[in-house]
N, C-alpha and C. Protein backbone atom coordinates (compact mmCIF):
# COMPACT_ATOMS: atom_id res chain seq x y z
N MET A 1 -49.61 -24.30 2.53
CA MET A 1 -49.18 -22.87 3.06
C MET A 1 -47.73 -23.02 3.62
N LYS A 2 -47.63 -24.10 4.54
CA LYS A 2 -46.26 -24.21 5.11
C LYS A 2 -45.17 -24.47 4.19
N LYS A 3 -45.52 -25.21 3.06
CA LYS A 3 -44.50 -25.47 2.04
C LYS A 3 -44.13 -24.23 1.26
N LEU A 4 -45.09 -23.38 1.07
CA LEU A 4 -44.87 -22.08 0.32
C LEU A 4 -43.94 -21.18 1.30
N LEU A 5 -44.31 -21.09 2.47
CA LEU A 5 -43.52 -20.34 3.46
C LEU A 5 -42.09 -20.81 3.53
N PHE A 6 -41.93 -22.15 3.64
CA PHE A 6 -40.67 -22.75 3.71
C PHE A 6 -39.88 -22.47 2.40
N SER A 7 -40.52 -22.57 1.27
CA SER A 7 -39.87 -22.26 0.00
C SER A 7 -39.36 -20.86 -0.10
N LEU A 8 -40.24 -19.93 0.36
CA LEU A 8 -39.83 -18.51 0.37
C LEU A 8 -38.72 -18.33 1.28
N LEU A 9 -38.69 -18.80 2.51
CA LEU A 9 -37.58 -18.62 3.47
C LEU A 9 -36.30 -19.08 2.92
N LEU A 10 -36.41 -20.30 2.32
CA LEU A 10 -35.25 -21.05 1.71
C LEU A 10 -34.78 -20.09 0.52
N GLY A 11 -35.52 -19.66 -0.31
CA GLY A 11 -35.16 -18.80 -1.38
C GLY A 11 -34.53 -17.49 -0.86
N VAL A 12 -34.89 -16.86 0.11
CA VAL A 12 -34.30 -15.60 0.71
C VAL A 12 -32.93 -15.96 1.20
N LEU A 13 -32.82 -17.11 1.93
CA LEU A 13 -31.56 -17.53 2.52
C LEU A 13 -30.53 -17.80 1.40
N ILE A 14 -31.04 -18.42 0.43
CA ILE A 14 -30.09 -18.80 -0.76
C ILE A 14 -29.67 -17.51 -1.46
N ILE A 15 -30.52 -16.60 -1.70
CA ILE A 15 -30.21 -15.24 -2.36
C ILE A 15 -29.26 -14.48 -1.44
N GLY A 16 -29.43 -14.61 -0.07
CA GLY A 16 -28.62 -13.81 0.85
C GLY A 16 -27.14 -14.31 0.81
N PHE A 17 -27.11 -15.71 0.70
CA PHE A 17 -25.85 -16.41 0.70
C PHE A 17 -25.04 -15.98 -0.61
N VAL A 18 -25.75 -16.07 -1.80
CA VAL A 18 -25.23 -15.69 -3.06
C VAL A 18 -24.63 -14.28 -3.06
N VAL A 19 -25.51 -13.30 -2.59
CA VAL A 19 -25.09 -11.93 -2.51
C VAL A 19 -23.90 -11.79 -1.61
N ALA A 20 -23.80 -12.41 -0.37
CA ALA A 20 -22.73 -12.30 0.43
C ALA A 20 -21.35 -12.81 -0.26
N GLN A 21 -21.55 -13.82 -1.05
CA GLN A 21 -20.38 -14.45 -1.73
C GLN A 21 -19.95 -13.50 -2.80
N GLU A 22 -20.96 -12.88 -3.53
CA GLU A 22 -20.56 -11.94 -4.57
C GLU A 22 -19.79 -10.65 -3.98
N GLN A 23 -20.26 -10.22 -2.96
CA GLN A 23 -19.82 -8.99 -2.33
C GLN A 23 -18.48 -9.33 -1.59
N GLY A 24 -18.32 -10.52 -1.08
CA GLY A 24 -17.15 -10.91 -0.17
C GLY A 24 -17.59 -10.67 1.24
N MET A 25 -16.80 -11.33 2.05
CA MET A 25 -17.04 -11.26 3.51
C MET A 25 -15.79 -10.42 4.10
N ARG A 26 -16.06 -9.38 4.55
CA ARG A 26 -15.09 -8.43 5.21
C ARG A 26 -14.76 -8.99 6.66
N GLN A 27 -13.48 -9.21 6.92
CA GLN A 27 -13.08 -9.60 8.20
C GLN A 27 -11.64 -9.04 8.54
N GLU A 28 -11.31 -8.97 9.84
CA GLU A 28 -9.97 -8.66 10.17
C GLU A 28 -8.91 -9.53 9.43
N VAL A 29 -7.78 -8.90 9.04
CA VAL A 29 -6.75 -9.56 8.46
C VAL A 29 -6.10 -10.55 9.37
N MET A 30 -5.85 -11.66 8.79
CA MET A 30 -5.16 -12.77 9.51
C MET A 30 -3.81 -12.99 8.90
N ALA A 31 -2.78 -13.43 9.69
CA ALA A 31 -1.48 -13.59 9.05
C ALA A 31 -1.59 -14.79 8.12
N GLY A 32 -0.86 -14.86 6.99
CA GLY A 32 -0.94 -15.95 6.09
C GLY A 32 -0.44 -15.43 4.70
N ASN A 33 -0.70 -16.48 3.81
CA ASN A 33 -0.44 -16.11 2.31
C ASN A 33 -1.61 -16.06 1.56
N TYR A 34 -1.80 -15.04 0.68
CA TYR A 34 -3.00 -14.75 -0.02
C TYR A 34 -2.59 -14.35 -1.46
N ILE A 35 -3.71 -14.41 -2.33
CA ILE A 35 -3.47 -13.99 -3.63
C ILE A 35 -4.29 -12.67 -3.87
N GLY A 36 -3.53 -11.67 -4.26
CA GLY A 36 -4.19 -10.31 -4.36
C GLY A 36 -5.03 -10.29 -5.60
N GLU A 37 -5.65 -9.14 -5.81
CA GLU A 37 -6.62 -8.96 -6.91
C GLU A 37 -5.96 -9.07 -8.23
N GLY A 38 -4.66 -8.67 -8.30
CA GLY A 38 -3.83 -8.76 -9.57
C GLY A 38 -3.18 -10.16 -9.78
N GLY A 39 -3.53 -11.14 -8.90
CA GLY A 39 -2.95 -12.46 -9.01
C GLY A 39 -1.61 -12.57 -8.32
N GLN A 40 -1.12 -11.63 -7.63
CA GLN A 40 0.19 -11.60 -6.96
C GLN A 40 0.21 -12.29 -5.70
N GLN A 41 1.22 -12.88 -5.30
CA GLN A 41 1.30 -13.55 -3.95
C GLN A 41 1.50 -12.52 -2.84
N MET A 42 0.62 -12.52 -1.84
CA MET A 42 0.82 -11.55 -0.72
C MET A 42 1.19 -12.32 0.55
N LYS A 43 2.13 -11.90 1.26
CA LYS A 43 2.38 -12.47 2.55
C LYS A 43 2.13 -11.54 3.65
N ILE A 44 1.30 -11.89 4.64
CA ILE A 44 0.95 -10.98 5.74
C ILE A 44 1.34 -11.60 7.01
N GLN A 45 2.18 -10.90 7.81
CA GLN A 45 2.71 -11.26 9.04
C GLN A 45 2.27 -10.48 10.17
N GLN A 46 2.08 -11.03 11.36
CA GLN A 46 1.66 -10.34 12.55
C GLN A 46 3.03 -9.72 13.12
N GLN A 47 3.00 -8.47 13.40
CA GLN A 47 4.07 -7.78 14.09
C GLN A 47 3.77 -7.42 15.51
N ALA A 48 4.65 -6.80 16.19
CA ALA A 48 4.45 -6.41 17.62
C ALA A 48 3.38 -5.19 17.52
N ASN A 49 2.79 -4.97 18.60
CA ASN A 49 1.74 -3.83 18.79
C ASN A 49 0.56 -3.96 17.82
N ASN A 50 0.25 -5.25 17.48
CA ASN A 50 -0.92 -5.54 16.55
C ASN A 50 -0.85 -4.93 15.20
N GLN A 51 0.44 -4.63 14.77
CA GLN A 51 0.66 -4.21 13.37
C GLN A 51 0.89 -5.39 12.54
N MET A 52 0.53 -5.21 11.20
CA MET A 52 0.86 -6.23 10.27
C MET A 52 1.82 -5.74 9.28
N ARG A 53 2.54 -6.75 8.63
CA ARG A 53 3.54 -6.50 7.72
C ARG A 53 3.09 -7.14 6.39
N LEU A 54 2.99 -6.39 5.27
CA LEU A 54 2.51 -6.79 3.96
C LEU A 54 3.79 -6.89 3.08
N GLU A 55 3.99 -8.13 2.52
CA GLU A 55 5.14 -8.33 1.62
C GLU A 55 4.67 -9.01 0.28
N VAL A 56 5.10 -8.29 -0.74
CA VAL A 56 4.70 -8.82 -2.11
C VAL A 56 6.00 -8.66 -3.04
N GLY A 57 6.38 -9.49 -3.76
CA GLY A 57 7.43 -9.53 -4.59
C GLY A 57 8.83 -9.13 -3.92
N GLY A 58 8.93 -9.59 -2.72
CA GLY A 58 10.20 -9.35 -1.96
C GLY A 58 10.30 -7.99 -1.29
N VAL A 59 9.22 -7.12 -1.46
CA VAL A 59 9.28 -5.78 -0.85
C VAL A 59 8.11 -5.79 0.26
N GLY A 60 8.64 -5.39 1.42
CA GLY A 60 7.64 -5.50 2.54
C GLY A 60 7.37 -3.96 3.10
N VAL A 61 6.25 -3.85 3.81
CA VAL A 61 5.88 -2.53 4.36
C VAL A 61 5.14 -2.90 5.64
N ASP A 62 5.41 -2.17 6.77
CA ASP A 62 4.56 -2.32 7.95
C ASP A 62 3.36 -1.44 7.75
N CYS A 63 2.19 -2.01 8.26
CA CYS A 63 0.92 -1.45 8.15
C CYS A 63 0.39 -1.04 9.51
N PRO A 64 0.59 0.29 9.86
CA PRO A 64 0.10 0.62 11.28
C PRO A 64 -1.43 0.95 11.32
N PHE A 65 -2.17 0.34 10.49
CA PHE A 65 -3.58 0.63 10.28
C PHE A 65 -4.43 -0.50 10.76
N ASN A 66 -5.64 -0.30 11.04
CA ASN A 66 -6.53 -1.43 11.20
C ASN A 66 -6.97 -2.04 9.87
N LEU A 67 -6.49 -3.22 9.51
CA LEU A 67 -6.70 -3.72 8.26
C LEU A 67 -7.78 -4.69 8.17
N THR A 68 -8.57 -4.70 7.09
CA THR A 68 -9.63 -5.79 6.89
C THR A 68 -9.34 -6.45 5.53
N GLN A 69 -9.75 -7.74 5.39
CA GLN A 69 -9.62 -8.36 4.21
C GLN A 69 -10.91 -8.86 3.67
N GLU A 70 -11.18 -8.94 2.37
CA GLU A 70 -12.42 -9.29 1.85
C GLU A 70 -11.95 -10.37 0.64
N GLN A 71 -12.77 -11.39 0.67
CA GLN A 71 -12.49 -12.50 -0.35
C GLN A 71 -13.54 -12.27 -1.46
N VAL A 72 -12.90 -12.13 -2.59
CA VAL A 72 -13.82 -11.99 -3.78
C VAL A 72 -13.26 -12.97 -4.88
N GLN A 73 -13.96 -13.92 -5.26
CA GLN A 73 -13.60 -14.95 -6.20
C GLN A 73 -12.22 -15.50 -5.99
N ASN A 74 -11.89 -15.92 -4.75
CA ASN A 74 -10.59 -16.54 -4.47
C ASN A 74 -9.43 -15.52 -4.47
N ARG A 75 -9.77 -14.29 -4.52
CA ARG A 75 -8.74 -13.16 -4.47
C ARG A 75 -8.99 -12.38 -3.18
N THR A 76 -7.88 -11.78 -2.68
CA THR A 76 -8.00 -11.07 -1.40
C THR A 76 -7.90 -9.51 -1.67
N LYS A 77 -8.91 -8.84 -1.18
CA LYS A 77 -8.88 -7.36 -1.19
C LYS A 77 -8.36 -6.86 0.25
N LEU A 78 -7.49 -5.86 0.39
CA LEU A 78 -7.10 -5.41 1.67
C LEU A 78 -7.56 -3.98 1.70
N LYS A 79 -8.14 -3.60 2.90
CA LYS A 79 -8.54 -2.31 3.19
C LYS A 79 -7.99 -1.80 4.48
N ALA A 80 -7.67 -0.38 4.57
CA ALA A 80 -7.09 0.11 5.77
C ALA A 80 -8.07 1.20 6.20
N GLN A 81 -8.32 1.30 7.47
CA GLN A 81 -9.23 2.33 8.04
C GLN A 81 -8.45 3.51 8.34
N LEU A 82 -8.71 4.59 7.75
CA LEU A 82 -8.02 5.94 7.83
C LEU A 82 -8.56 6.60 9.21
N SER A 83 -7.90 7.67 9.61
CA SER A 83 -8.37 8.46 10.64
C SER A 83 -9.62 9.17 10.52
N ASN A 84 -9.96 9.46 9.24
CA ASN A 84 -11.31 10.15 9.04
C ASN A 84 -12.43 9.09 8.83
N GLY A 85 -12.17 7.78 9.15
CA GLY A 85 -13.22 6.82 9.05
C GLY A 85 -13.26 6.16 7.73
N ARG A 86 -12.74 6.68 6.79
CA ARG A 86 -12.87 6.12 5.52
C ARG A 86 -12.00 4.79 5.36
N ASN A 87 -12.50 3.74 4.61
CA ASN A 87 -11.84 2.48 4.42
C ASN A 87 -11.18 2.74 3.03
N ALA A 88 -9.84 2.76 2.95
CA ALA A 88 -9.08 2.90 1.64
C ALA A 88 -8.59 1.50 1.29
N GLU A 89 -8.92 1.21 -0.02
CA GLU A 89 -8.47 -0.06 -0.45
C GLU A 89 -6.94 -0.02 -0.94
N ILE A 90 -6.22 -1.00 -0.52
CA ILE A 90 -4.85 -1.06 -0.90
C ILE A 90 -4.73 -1.79 -2.28
N LYS A 91 -4.84 -1.07 -3.39
CA LYS A 91 -4.86 -1.73 -4.73
C LYS A 91 -3.48 -1.86 -5.24
N VAL A 92 -2.59 -0.89 -4.82
CA VAL A 92 -1.17 -0.97 -5.36
C VAL A 92 -0.42 -1.57 -4.28
N MET A 93 0.32 -2.58 -4.61
CA MET A 93 1.11 -3.36 -3.59
C MET A 93 2.55 -2.73 -3.43
N PRO A 94 3.15 -3.09 -2.35
CA PRO A 94 4.51 -2.44 -2.12
C PRO A 94 5.56 -2.49 -3.18
N ASP A 95 5.63 -3.64 -3.92
CA ASP A 95 6.65 -3.87 -4.85
C ASP A 95 6.37 -2.90 -6.02
N THR A 96 5.04 -2.73 -6.44
CA THR A 96 4.83 -1.74 -7.58
C THR A 96 4.96 -0.32 -7.05
N ALA A 97 4.49 0.09 -5.82
CA ALA A 97 4.75 1.37 -5.23
C ALA A 97 6.26 1.74 -5.32
N SER A 98 7.08 0.72 -4.74
CA SER A 98 8.51 1.01 -4.63
C SER A 98 9.16 1.28 -6.02
N GLU A 99 8.70 0.36 -7.05
CA GLU A 99 9.29 0.59 -8.42
C GLU A 99 8.87 1.93 -8.91
N THR A 100 7.68 2.32 -8.80
CA THR A 100 7.10 3.65 -9.20
C THR A 100 7.98 4.80 -8.71
N ALA A 101 8.09 4.72 -7.25
CA ALA A 101 8.91 5.86 -6.63
C ALA A 101 10.41 5.84 -7.08
N LEU A 102 10.99 4.68 -7.22
CA LEU A 102 12.40 4.62 -7.59
C LEU A 102 12.52 5.23 -9.00
N ASN A 103 11.68 4.85 -9.97
CA ASN A 103 11.67 5.42 -11.26
C ASN A 103 11.66 6.87 -11.19
N ARG A 104 10.68 7.42 -10.44
CA ARG A 104 10.56 8.89 -10.36
C ARG A 104 11.76 9.63 -9.79
N LEU A 105 12.50 9.02 -8.90
CA LEU A 105 13.68 9.41 -8.22
C LEU A 105 14.94 9.14 -8.99
N ARG A 106 14.79 8.41 -10.12
CA ARG A 106 15.87 7.95 -10.85
C ARG A 106 16.86 7.07 -10.12
N LEU A 107 16.31 6.17 -9.31
CA LEU A 107 17.23 5.25 -8.58
C LEU A 107 16.98 3.86 -9.00
N LYS A 108 17.88 2.89 -8.79
CA LYS A 108 17.71 1.58 -9.18
C LYS A 108 17.26 0.68 -8.12
N VAL A 109 17.71 0.88 -6.84
CA VAL A 109 17.34 0.04 -5.83
C VAL A 109 16.99 0.74 -4.49
N CYS A 110 16.32 0.23 -3.66
CA CYS A 110 15.96 0.75 -2.39
C CYS A 110 16.52 -0.18 -1.36
N ASP A 111 17.66 0.05 -0.77
CA ASP A 111 18.42 -0.74 0.13
C ASP A 111 18.34 -0.25 1.57
N GLU A 112 17.65 -1.11 2.49
CA GLU A 112 17.50 -0.55 3.77
C GLU A 112 18.84 -0.39 4.50
N ALA A 113 19.77 -1.10 4.09
CA ALA A 113 21.07 -1.07 4.70
C ALA A 113 21.82 0.29 4.43
N GLN A 114 21.31 0.90 3.34
CA GLN A 114 21.90 2.16 3.00
C GLN A 114 20.90 3.34 3.21
N GLY A 115 19.93 3.06 4.19
CA GLY A 115 19.00 4.04 4.56
C GLY A 115 17.81 4.45 3.81
N CYS A 116 17.54 3.44 2.89
CA CYS A 116 16.28 3.60 2.10
C CYS A 116 15.19 2.85 2.81
N SER A 117 14.03 3.53 2.87
CA SER A 117 12.83 2.94 3.59
C SER A 117 11.59 3.14 2.86
N LEU A 118 10.59 2.19 3.02
CA LEU A 118 9.28 2.31 2.37
C LEU A 118 8.35 2.19 3.52
N GLU A 119 7.31 3.07 3.47
CA GLU A 119 6.46 3.19 4.70
C GLU A 119 5.02 3.35 4.20
N LEU A 120 4.05 2.78 4.72
CA LEU A 120 2.61 2.97 4.36
C LEU A 120 2.07 3.90 5.37
N LYS A 121 1.48 5.09 4.93
CA LYS A 121 1.07 6.05 5.75
C LYS A 121 -0.14 6.78 5.31
N GLU A 122 -0.75 7.58 6.14
CA GLU A 122 -1.76 8.58 5.81
C GLU A 122 -1.12 9.86 5.40
N VAL A 123 -1.63 10.45 4.34
CA VAL A 123 -1.17 11.83 3.82
C VAL A 123 -2.44 12.55 3.63
N GLY A 124 -2.21 13.87 3.71
CA GLY A 124 -3.46 14.85 3.57
C GLY A 124 -4.24 15.05 4.88
N GLN A 125 -5.23 15.82 4.80
CA GLN A 125 -5.99 16.15 5.98
C GLN A 125 -7.54 16.02 5.78
N GLY A 126 -8.35 15.79 6.66
CA GLY A 126 -9.72 15.72 6.66
C GLY A 126 -10.21 14.76 5.54
N GLU A 127 -11.11 15.26 4.80
CA GLU A 127 -11.78 14.45 3.69
C GLU A 127 -10.69 14.08 2.63
N GLN A 128 -9.63 14.90 2.52
CA GLN A 128 -8.66 14.70 1.57
C GLN A 128 -7.53 13.65 1.97
N THR A 129 -7.78 12.94 3.09
CA THR A 129 -6.80 12.00 3.57
C THR A 129 -6.69 10.82 2.66
N LYS A 130 -5.54 10.32 2.32
CA LYS A 130 -5.29 9.22 1.43
C LYS A 130 -4.34 8.26 2.10
N LEU A 131 -4.20 7.15 1.57
CA LEU A 131 -3.38 6.03 2.02
C LEU A 131 -2.22 6.16 0.91
N ALA A 132 -1.02 6.22 1.43
CA ALA A 132 0.13 6.33 0.47
C ALA A 132 1.40 5.64 0.93
N TYR A 133 2.19 5.10 0.04
CA TYR A 133 3.58 4.58 0.39
C TYR A 133 4.50 5.82 0.21
N GLU A 134 5.38 5.87 1.19
CA GLU A 134 6.36 6.97 1.12
C GLU A 134 7.74 6.28 1.12
N LEU A 135 8.51 6.63 0.11
CA LEU A 135 9.88 6.05 -0.05
C LEU A 135 10.84 7.17 0.36
N LYS A 136 11.80 6.90 1.29
CA LYS A 136 12.75 7.94 1.79
C LYS A 136 14.14 7.34 1.57
N THR A 137 15.04 8.27 1.03
CA THR A 137 16.39 7.83 0.90
C THR A 137 17.23 9.01 0.79
N GLN A 138 18.55 8.77 0.72
CA GLN A 138 19.49 9.80 0.57
C GLN A 138 20.28 9.67 -0.75
N ARG A 139 20.50 10.75 -1.51
CA ARG A 139 21.23 10.68 -2.79
C ARG A 139 22.51 11.47 -2.67
N GLN A 140 23.50 10.98 -3.42
CA GLN A 140 24.78 11.67 -3.61
C GLN A 140 24.56 12.79 -4.57
N SER A 141 25.07 13.92 -4.30
CA SER A 141 24.87 14.94 -5.33
C SER A 141 26.17 15.94 -5.22
N LYS A 142 26.23 16.70 -6.19
CA LYS A 142 27.30 17.75 -6.16
C LYS A 142 26.70 19.18 -6.35
N VAL A 143 26.93 20.08 -5.44
CA VAL A 143 26.40 21.42 -5.46
C VAL A 143 27.31 22.32 -6.27
N PHE A 144 26.74 22.94 -7.27
CA PHE A 144 27.55 23.66 -8.28
C PHE A 144 28.52 22.80 -8.98
N GLY A 145 28.38 21.55 -8.97
CA GLY A 145 29.35 20.71 -9.63
C GLY A 145 30.73 20.50 -8.89
N LEU A 146 30.78 21.11 -7.69
CA LEU A 146 32.06 21.08 -6.99
C LEU A 146 31.93 20.36 -5.65
N PHE A 147 30.98 20.70 -4.94
CA PHE A 147 30.91 20.28 -3.49
C PHE A 147 30.04 19.02 -3.37
N LYS A 148 30.56 17.96 -2.74
CA LYS A 148 29.77 16.74 -2.50
C LYS A 148 28.66 17.06 -1.34
N ALA A 149 27.56 16.54 -1.52
CA ALA A 149 26.50 16.69 -0.57
C ALA A 149 25.52 15.45 -0.73
N ARG A 150 24.98 15.13 0.50
CA ARG A 150 23.94 14.13 0.57
C ARG A 150 22.52 14.74 0.66
N MET A 151 21.71 14.36 -0.30
CA MET A 151 20.37 14.94 -0.40
C MET A 151 19.26 13.92 0.05
N ASN A 152 18.44 14.44 1.05
CA ASN A 152 17.33 13.71 1.48
C ASN A 152 16.24 13.82 0.46
N VAL A 153 15.75 12.71 -0.04
CA VAL A 153 14.60 12.83 -1.01
C VAL A 153 13.47 11.80 -0.56
N ARG A 154 12.28 12.22 -1.03
CA ARG A 154 11.00 11.39 -0.68
C ARG A 154 10.14 11.37 -1.77
N ALA A 155 9.47 10.28 -1.95
CA ALA A 155 8.44 10.27 -3.00
C ALA A 155 7.24 9.53 -2.38
N GLN A 156 6.05 10.04 -2.57
CA GLN A 156 4.80 9.38 -2.10
C GLN A 156 3.97 8.92 -3.30
N VAL A 157 3.49 7.59 -3.14
CA VAL A 157 2.69 6.95 -4.16
C VAL A 157 1.42 6.56 -3.64
N ASP A 158 0.28 6.94 -4.20
CA ASP A 158 -0.95 6.68 -3.81
C ASP A 158 -1.31 5.20 -3.84
N ALA A 159 -1.74 4.65 -2.69
CA ALA A 159 -1.94 3.15 -2.53
C ALA A 159 -3.08 2.73 -3.34
N GLU A 160 -4.08 3.63 -3.60
CA GLU A 160 -5.20 3.20 -4.43
C GLU A 160 -5.11 3.33 -5.90
N THR A 161 -4.35 4.38 -6.33
CA THR A 161 -4.26 4.66 -7.74
C THR A 161 -2.93 4.33 -8.42
N GLY A 162 -1.88 4.35 -7.51
CA GLY A 162 -0.58 4.09 -8.08
C GLY A 162 0.19 5.34 -8.63
N GLU A 163 -0.48 6.54 -8.44
CA GLU A 163 0.00 7.79 -9.02
C GLU A 163 1.05 8.44 -7.97
N ILE A 164 1.99 9.11 -8.48
CA ILE A 164 2.89 9.85 -7.71
C ILE A 164 2.15 10.99 -7.05
N ILE A 165 2.08 11.19 -5.74
CA ILE A 165 1.40 12.28 -5.07
C ILE A 165 2.31 13.49 -4.90
N ARG A 166 3.51 13.10 -4.50
CA ARG A 166 4.41 14.23 -4.13
C ARG A 166 5.91 13.71 -4.17
N VAL A 167 6.85 14.58 -4.60
CA VAL A 167 8.27 14.31 -4.50
C VAL A 167 8.89 15.53 -3.84
N GLN A 168 9.67 15.20 -2.75
CA GLN A 168 10.30 16.25 -1.96
C GLN A 168 11.80 16.13 -2.04
N LYS A 169 12.51 17.21 -2.32
CA LYS A 169 13.93 17.29 -2.28
C LYS A 169 14.29 18.69 -1.49
N PRO A 170 15.49 18.80 -1.05
CA PRO A 170 15.88 20.00 -0.40
C PRO A 170 15.72 21.22 -1.24
N TRP A 171 15.66 22.35 -0.72
CA TRP A 171 15.40 23.62 -1.49
C TRP A 171 16.57 23.98 -2.38
N TRP A 172 17.66 23.42 -2.04
CA TRP A 172 18.87 23.78 -2.85
C TRP A 172 19.18 22.74 -4.03
N ALA A 173 18.14 21.70 -4.17
CA ALA A 173 18.37 20.68 -5.11
C ALA A 173 18.47 21.21 -6.51
N PHE A 174 17.92 22.37 -6.91
CA PHE A 174 18.08 22.87 -8.23
C PHE A 174 19.49 23.35 -8.51
N LEU A 175 20.33 23.54 -7.39
CA LEU A 175 21.71 23.93 -7.59
C LEU A 175 22.66 22.79 -7.72
N ALA A 176 22.07 21.57 -7.48
CA ALA A 176 22.90 20.35 -7.35
C ALA A 176 22.58 19.49 -8.63
N SER A 177 23.68 18.66 -8.87
CA SER A 177 23.49 17.59 -9.89
C SER A 177 23.62 16.18 -9.22
N GLU A 178 22.62 15.43 -9.44
CA GLU A 178 22.54 14.07 -8.88
C GLU A 178 23.35 13.03 -9.60
N SER A 179 24.11 12.18 -8.93
CA SER A 179 24.89 11.21 -9.51
C SER A 179 23.97 10.11 -10.02
N GLU A 180 24.42 9.43 -11.13
CA GLU A 180 23.66 8.31 -11.54
C GLU A 180 23.88 7.08 -10.53
N GLU A 181 22.73 6.38 -10.16
CA GLU A 181 22.79 5.31 -9.28
C GLU A 181 23.22 3.95 -10.12
N GLU A 182 23.88 3.03 -9.45
CA GLU A 182 24.37 1.89 -10.18
C GLU A 182 23.56 0.77 -9.59
């Protein structure tokens, strides 16, 4: 009887261990280098005020959220806790989000020295809250083809799907032509 009970207990422990390995163990994010779900190298750094910085492909973004990581088959999944309590998975990395936003805005590069920035933030309200990257920059334009003007533009990219959520330009953008970026 003791052998049977011991065998059952051992079986339950083994099954529990296998299930935990399959589902991954979620824990707070630690600074270091990881391999993301898509096989990309991720660098996570500790910043001031308990913030983390995520860098992939030379593009970095500060993460002002409570981040957790989950190991699944030697790959790391990142999740951010949103204000509505939902854990949003960061499936799209900053390099991909930046490229998507730049393409949509018809820009070639996002240079911080020239006022371009990429930020990870919450967008939407209530149950519609999402995690998104927001690229902000200024573009040279000509209003009526005559007057030079700087146009503030923004593009938001969903961090879970990679889709463009929103593009914002000034109200007068339809009157302006945007110069080609080099």
